[in-house]
Protein backbone atom coordinates (compact mmCIF):
# COMPACT_ATOMS: atom_id res chain seq x y z
CA MET A 1 50.63 -7.82 -32.88
CA LYS A 2 48.31 -6.41 -30.22
CA GLY A 3 49.64 -4.59 -27.19
CA LEU A 4 49.13 -5.56 -23.57
CA LYS A 5 48.16 -3.73 -20.40
CA ILE A 6 47.99 -4.74 -16.73
CA ILE A 7 44.49 -4.45 -15.27
CA ALA A 8 44.78 -6.17 -11.88
CA THR A 9 47.35 -7.57 -9.45
CA GLY A 10 47.52 -9.94 -6.51
CA ARG A 11 50.19 -11.33 -4.22
CA SER A 12 50.79 -13.95 -1.57
CA LEU A 13 53.54 -14.29 1.01
CA PRO A 14 54.40 -17.16 3.36
CA SER A 15 53.50 -16.88 7.03
CA LYS A 16 57.09 -16.93 8.34
CA SER A 17 59.10 -13.71 8.29
CA VAL A 18 62.84 -14.29 8.74
CA THR A 19 64.87 -11.31 9.91
CA ASN A 20 68.59 -10.75 9.55
CA ASP A 21 68.90 -11.32 13.28
CA ASP A 22 67.19 -14.69 12.83
CA LEU A 23 69.77 -15.65 10.22
CA SER A 24 72.63 -14.53 12.45
CA LYS A 25 71.68 -17.42 14.76
CA ILE A 26 72.18 -19.89 11.91
CA VAL A 27 75.16 -18.55 9.97
CA GLU A 28 77.98 -16.10 10.76
CA THR A 29 76.41 -12.79 9.78
CA SER A 30 74.65 -9.76 11.26
CA ASP A 31 71.89 -7.33 10.45
CA GLU A 32 74.48 -4.62 9.75
CA TRP A 33 76.54 -6.86 7.43
CA ILE A 34 73.51 -7.87 5.38
CA TYR A 35 71.73 -4.51 5.26
CA THR A 36 74.74 -2.40 4.30
CA ARG A 37 75.53 -4.74 1.41
CA THR A 38 72.03 -5.49 0.15
CA GLY A 39 69.39 -3.23 1.68
CA ILE A 40 67.60 -6.33 3.00
CA ARG A 41 66.24 -6.46 6.58
CA SER A 42 63.95 -9.50 6.32
CA ARG A 43 62.37 -11.97 3.93
CA TYR A 44 59.67 -14.65 3.99
CA PHE A 45 60.24 -18.41 3.99
CA CYS A 46 57.58 -21.04 3.42
CA ASP A 47 56.51 -22.87 6.56
CA GLU A 48 54.84 -26.27 6.85
CA GLY A 49 51.97 -26.63 4.38
CA GLU A 50 53.20 -23.73 2.22
CA ASN A 51 54.96 -23.99 -1.12
CA SER A 52 55.21 -22.31 -4.51
CA LEU A 53 51.90 -23.87 -5.60
CA THR A 54 49.88 -22.68 -2.60
CA LEU A 55 51.37 -19.20 -2.98
CA SER A 56 50.54 -19.13 -6.70
CA ILE A 57 46.95 -20.17 -6.15
CA SER A 58 46.44 -17.50 -3.49
CA ALA A 59 48.01 -14.72 -5.60
CA ALA A 60 46.02 -15.77 -8.68
CA LYS A 61 42.73 -15.73 -6.72
CA LYS A 62 43.41 -12.20 -5.50
CA ALA A 63 44.28 -10.93 -8.98
CA LEU A 64 41.17 -12.51 -10.49
CA GLU A 65 38.96 -11.07 -7.75
CA SER A 66 40.50 -7.64 -8.22
CA SER A 67 39.99 -7.77 -11.98
CA GLY A 68 36.30 -8.60 -11.79
CA ILE A 69 36.52 -10.52 -15.06
CA ASN A 70 34.78 -13.81 -15.67
CA LYS A 71 37.44 -16.48 -15.23
CA ASP A 72 36.04 -18.27 -18.29
CA ASP A 73 37.32 -15.33 -20.36
CA LEU A 74 40.97 -16.14 -19.59
CA GLY A 75 42.98 -17.14 -22.63
CA CYS A 76 46.23 -18.37 -21.04
CA ILE A 77 47.98 -19.13 -17.77
CA ILE A 78 51.71 -18.41 -17.60
CA VAL A 79 53.80 -19.10 -14.50
CA ALA A 80 57.39 -17.88 -14.28
CA THR A 81 59.46 -19.81 -11.74
CA LEU A 82 62.75 -21.63 -11.20
CA SER A 83 61.59 -23.38 -8.02
CA ALA A 84 58.31 -25.06 -8.88
CA THR A 85 56.91 -27.55 -6.38
CA TYR A 86 56.73 -30.17 -9.14
CA VAL A 87 58.76 -30.73 -12.27
CA THR A 88 55.52 -32.01 -13.73
CA PRO A 89 52.62 -31.31 -13.70
CA SER A 90 53.42 -27.65 -14.15
CA THR A 91 52.32 -25.05 -11.64
CA ALA A 92 50.17 -23.45 -14.34
CA CYS A 93 48.31 -26.71 -14.98
CA LEU A 94 47.62 -27.20 -11.28
CA ILE A 95 46.36 -23.62 -10.96
CA GLN A 96 43.95 -24.34 -13.81
CA ARG A 97 42.61 -27.31 -11.85
CA GLU A 98 42.45 -25.67 -8.43
CA LEU A 99 40.74 -22.49 -9.66
CA GLU A 100 38.55 -24.31 -12.21
CA LEU A 101 39.85 -22.17 -15.05
CA PRO A 102 39.05 -22.95 -18.70
CA GLU A 103 40.39 -26.25 -20.03
CA ASN A 104 40.68 -25.12 -23.64
CA ILE A 105 43.57 -22.69 -23.06
CA PRO A 106 47.37 -23.04 -22.86
CA ALA A 107 48.85 -23.30 -19.36
CA LEU A 108 52.62 -23.53 -18.94
CA ASP A 109 55.59 -22.74 -16.72
CA ILE A 110 58.65 -20.88 -17.99
CA ASN A 111 62.08 -20.38 -16.42
CA ALA A 112 63.90 -17.15 -17.16
CA ALA A 113 64.81 -16.69 -13.48
CA CYS A 114 64.59 -13.07 -12.34
CA SER A 115 63.50 -11.89 -15.81
CA GLY A 116 60.73 -14.48 -15.83
CA PHE A 117 57.71 -12.25 -15.21
CA ILE A 118 58.54 -10.01 -18.17
CA TYR A 119 59.22 -13.06 -20.33
CA GLY A 120 55.82 -14.29 -19.17
CA LEU A 121 54.14 -11.06 -20.28
CA GLU A 122 55.60 -11.48 -23.75
CA VAL A 123 54.54 -15.14 -23.94
CA ALA A 124 51.01 -14.15 -22.87
CA ARG A 125 50.88 -11.39 -25.48
CA GLY A 126 51.87 -13.82 -28.23
CA LEU A 127 49.35 -16.45 -27.18
CA LEU A 128 46.50 -13.97 -26.77
CA SER A 129 47.26 -12.27 -30.09
CA GLY A 130 46.70 -15.59 -31.81
CA SER A 131 43.38 -16.28 -30.12
CA ASN A 132 39.97 -14.71 -29.58
CA ALA A 133 40.63 -14.27 -25.85
CA LYS A 134 41.45 -10.86 -24.35
CA TYR A 135 42.71 -11.76 -20.89
CA GLY A 136 45.67 -13.69 -19.51
CA LEU A 137 46.97 -14.66 -16.07
CA VAL A 138 50.71 -14.15 -15.54
CA ILE A 139 52.33 -15.21 -12.27
CA GLY A 140 55.85 -14.97 -10.88
CA VAL A 141 56.48 -17.31 -7.95
CA GLU A 142 59.44 -18.72 -6.05
CA GLN A 143 60.13 -20.97 -3.10
CA LEU A 144 63.84 -20.32 -3.04
CA SER A 145 64.21 -21.27 0.61
CA ARG A 146 64.11 -24.94 -0.42
CA ILE A 147 67.28 -24.58 -2.51
CA LEU A 148 69.37 -22.41 -0.20
CA ASP A 149 72.49 -23.60 1.59
CA MET A 150 71.89 -22.13 5.04
CA GLU A 151 75.61 -22.38 5.79
CA ASP A 152 76.53 -20.12 2.86
CA ARG A 153 76.08 -16.52 3.99
CA SER A 154 76.80 -15.21 0.49
CA THR A 155 73.48 -16.62 -0.73
CA CYS A 156 71.18 -17.61 2.13
CA VAL A 157 70.77 -14.00 3.32
CA LEU A 158 69.63 -12.75 -0.09
CA PHE A 159 66.59 -14.74 -1.12
CA GLY A 160 62.96 -15.11 -0.09
CA ASP A 161 59.71 -16.79 -1.10
CA GLY A 162 56.54 -15.27 -2.52
CA ALA A 163 54.15 -14.98 -5.45
CA GLY A 164 52.85 -12.07 -7.48
CA ALA A 165 50.14 -12.26 -10.13
CA ALA A 166 48.75 -9.98 -12.82
CA ILE A 167 45.71 -10.09 -15.06
CA VAL A 168 46.62 -8.66 -18.44
CA GLU A 169 44.42 -7.56 -21.31
CA THR A 170 45.24 -7.22 -24.99
CA GLU A 171 44.41 -3.95 -26.68
CA GLU A 172 45.02 -2.84 -30.23
CA ASN A 173 46.53 0.59 -29.70
CA THR A 174 47.87 0.52 -26.16
CA LEU A 175 51.50 1.38 -25.40
CA TYR A 176 53.62 -1.76 -25.21
CA GLU A 177 57.27 -2.31 -26.08
CA SER A 178 59.52 -5.10 -24.89
CA VAL A 179 63.10 -6.31 -25.19
CA LEU A 180 64.39 -9.72 -24.13
CA GLY A 181 67.96 -10.96 -24.05
CA THR A 182 70.17 -13.86 -23.08
CA LYS A 183 73.88 -14.51 -22.55
CA GLY A 184 74.40 -18.03 -21.30
CA GLY A 185 76.57 -18.33 -18.20
CA HIS A 186 76.89 -19.92 -14.76
CA GLU A 187 77.26 -16.73 -12.71
CA ILE A 188 74.10 -17.83 -10.85
CA SER A 189 73.35 -21.54 -10.94
CA CYS A 190 71.63 -24.48 -9.31
CA PRO A 191 72.13 -28.01 -10.67
CA GLY A 192 68.47 -28.85 -10.13
CA VAL A 193 65.72 -28.26 -7.60
CA ASN A 194 64.94 -31.98 -7.49
CA ASN A 195 68.39 -33.22 -8.42
CA PHE A 196 70.50 -35.26 -6.04
CA ASP A 197 74.04 -36.28 -6.94
CA ASP A 198 75.74 -38.75 -4.61
CA GLY A 199 73.15 -37.96 -1.98
CA GLN A 200 74.00 -34.25 -1.91
CA LYS A 201 71.24 -31.70 -2.33
CA SER A 202 71.62 -29.06 -5.02
CA TYR A 203 71.87 -25.45 -3.86
CA VAL A 204 71.97 -22.02 -5.44
CA SER A 205 75.47 -20.64 -5.98
CA MET A 206 76.42 -17.20 -7.19
CA ASP A 207 79.42 -15.12 -8.21
CA GLY A 208 78.32 -11.92 -6.48
CA THR A 209 80.88 -9.60 -8.08
CA ALA A 210 80.10 -10.81 -11.61
CA VAL A 211 76.36 -10.56 -10.99
CA PHE A 212 76.68 -6.99 -9.71
CA ARG A 213 78.62 -5.97 -12.83
CA PHE A 214 76.07 -7.68 -15.06
CA ALA A 215 73.05 -6.17 -13.31
CA THR A 216 74.36 -2.60 -13.29
CA SER A 217 74.96 -2.81 -17.03
CA ALA A 218 71.81 -4.77 -17.92
CA ILE A 219 69.34 -2.21 -16.55
CA PRO A 220 70.67 0.78 -18.55
CA LYS A 221 71.03 -1.50 -21.59
CA CYS A 222 67.38 -2.58 -21.39
CA ILE A 223 66.22 1.01 -21.05
CA ASP A 224 68.38 2.12 -23.98
CA MET A 225 67.08 -0.72 -26.19
CA LEU A 226 63.50 0.20 -25.34
CA GLN A 227 64.18 3.85 -26.15
CA GLN A 228 65.53 2.84 -29.54
CA LYS A 229 62.29 0.97 -30.27
CA HIS A 230 59.98 3.62 -28.81
CA PRO A 231 61.65 6.95 -28.01
CA PHE A 232 60.82 8.16 -24.50
CA SER A 233 62.51 9.81 -21.54
CA LEU A 234 62.40 8.63 -17.94
CA ASP A 235 60.46 11.83 -17.18
CA GLU A 236 57.57 10.36 -19.18
CA VAL A 237 57.55 7.18 -17.10
CA ASP A 238 55.49 7.17 -13.90
CA HIS A 239 57.23 4.25 -12.18
CA VAL A 240 60.33 2.15 -12.79
CA VAL A 241 60.16 -1.31 -11.24
CA CYS A 242 63.38 -3.29 -11.47
CA HIS A 243 64.01 -6.80 -10.24
CA GLN A 244 64.50 -6.41 -6.48
CA ALA A 245 67.89 -8.04 -6.07
CA ASN A 246 69.94 -5.51 -4.14
CA SER A 247 69.36 -1.86 -3.26
CA ARG A 248 72.97 -1.03 -4.18
CA ILE A 249 72.33 -2.18 -7.76
CA ILE A 250 69.33 0.12 -8.16
CA ASP A 251 71.11 3.04 -6.44
CA HIS A 252 74.10 2.57 -8.75
CA VAL A 253 71.87 2.62 -11.84
CA VAL A 254 69.92 5.67 -10.65
CA LYS A 255 73.18 7.55 -10.23
CA LYS A 256 74.51 6.35 -13.57
CA LEU A 257 71.34 7.47 -15.38
CA LYS A 258 71.10 10.70 -13.37
CA ALA A 259 67.49 9.69 -12.76
CA ASP A 260 64.96 10.61 -10.09
CA PRO A 261 65.32 7.96 -7.36
CA ALA A 262 61.68 8.46 -6.38
CA LYS A 263 60.64 6.77 -9.64
CA PHE A 264 62.49 3.56 -8.76
CA TYR A 265 60.45 1.42 -6.40
CA LYS A 266 62.26 -0.71 -3.81
CA ASP A 267 60.84 -3.34 -1.46
CA MET A 268 63.75 -5.74 -0.96
CA ASP A 269 64.10 -4.45 2.60
CA HIS A 270 61.22 -6.69 3.73
CA LEU A 271 60.99 -9.23 0.88
CA GLY A 272 64.57 -9.94 -0.15
CA ASN A 273 65.29 -11.25 -3.63
CA THR A 274 62.30 -13.30 -4.79
CA SER A 275 63.57 -13.85 -8.36
CA ALA A 276 60.65 -14.21 -10.82
CA ALA A 277 58.19 -13.04 -8.14
CA SER A 278 59.92 -9.76 -7.34
CA ILE A 279 58.45 -7.51 -10.04
CA PRO A 280 54.81 -8.68 -9.72
CA LEU A 281 55.10 -8.56 -5.91
CA ALA A 282 56.27 -4.95 -6.17
CA LEU A 283 53.45 -4.07 -8.58
CA SER A 284 50.87 -5.57 -6.21
CA GLU A 285 52.27 -3.65 -3.24
CA MET A 286 52.19 -0.42 -5.22
CA ASP A 287 48.68 -1.15 -6.48
CA ASP A 288 47.31 -1.79 -3.00
CA ALA A 289 49.01 1.35 -1.67
CA GLY A 290 47.37 3.45 -4.38
CA MET A 291 50.75 4.42 -5.83
CA ILE A 292 49.81 3.34 -9.36
CA LYS A 293 47.07 5.35 -11.03
CA ASP A 294 44.91 4.50 -14.04
CA GLY A 295 46.82 5.19 -17.22
CA ASP A 296 50.24 5.20 -15.56
CA THR A 297 53.18 4.17 -17.70
CA LEU A 298 55.34 1.50 -16.11
CA LEU A 299 58.90 0.58 -17.01
CA LEU A 300 59.72 -2.92 -15.80
CA VAL A 301 63.26 -4.31 -15.95
CA GLY A 302 64.38 -7.82 -15.03
CA PHE A 303 67.86 -9.35 -14.93
CA GLY A 304 69.24 -12.56 -13.51
CA SER A 305 70.35 -16.13 -13.91
CA GLY A 306 70.74 -17.40 -17.42
CA LEU A 307 72.04 -14.82 -17.81
CA THR A 308 68.82 -13.14 -18.91
CA TRP A 309 67.53 -9.62 -19.10
CA ALA A 310 64.20 -8.12 -20.08
CA GLY A 311 62.49 -4.77 -20.22
CA VAL A 312 58.94 -3.69 -20.97
CA LEU A 313 57.11 -0.40 -21.31
CA ILE A 314 53.51 -1.10 -20.36
CA LYS A 315 50.36 0.69 -19.22
CA PHE A 316 48.43 0.06 -16.02
CA GLN A 317 44.66 0.42 -16.34
CA LYS A 318 42.70 -0.68 -13.30
CA ALA A 319 39.86 -2.99 -14.26
CA LYS A 320 36.37 -1.69 -13.59
CA LYS A 321 34.54 -4.35 -11.64
CA VAL A 322 31.19 -5.41 -13.00
CA SER A 323 28.51 -4.90 -10.35
């Protein structure tokens, strides 16, 4: 099967930034309590007229513009999300309509929670390998604010909304290795975004201690599994981008691996935990800041509800715009 590389990124954030101090007016908490436990200072929540679909469309437009490719050359649209605006039609189908993308290609949503973007890369690789198309659009998006219990400080302070997109290209001999895994459990759960039982809205719930234990073991496990498939050292990787759940999780893993902390990107301080959107949002930030160079090797690691985990070793090659 062909490999895959990332050639362009894009992102979109809601207009409303919500600080820890803002939350302290709603629920019993404080900036110090939140930051010392999570590394989060603020996050974005959708305001009126904003939702996961509008964010996805905006991020996709930016990625397509950055790539310079003809949109008719796209071979698939994959959207990773657990908080889609609609159960059906899918976000991917509505993006196809709004951006007037090709009609003769697969467009679908997937839910692997915080591992979703990497799952999406693998789905795109499989679909593109079986077609004549070279390019795919992979998006991670969440509107988690709509499923948060704002009276539960153990969850409402953690999450945020946003969308990140990537244009990917298949290539015969490019570096690409992935691992995906699942261990079913209710450590993080939500009965249903659009589900109402006895008039009560469904909210996200989480066993924080269990999730911390899972996350701090899942990241090293993903890296080890990738190294077994394609031997490499962290010194050979230019950037490690983990799911942005909690700075303490990443710091714990860095210490455990005796790794260089400078390789591990963190942006949860101003974005919070955006689930499936967190990795592509981070990639877009790094891309715009000039942190990622052509030919850089990226190690992406996701972990979250399901429970799921995923890791991928992938190249970044900035698309050359056609003049």
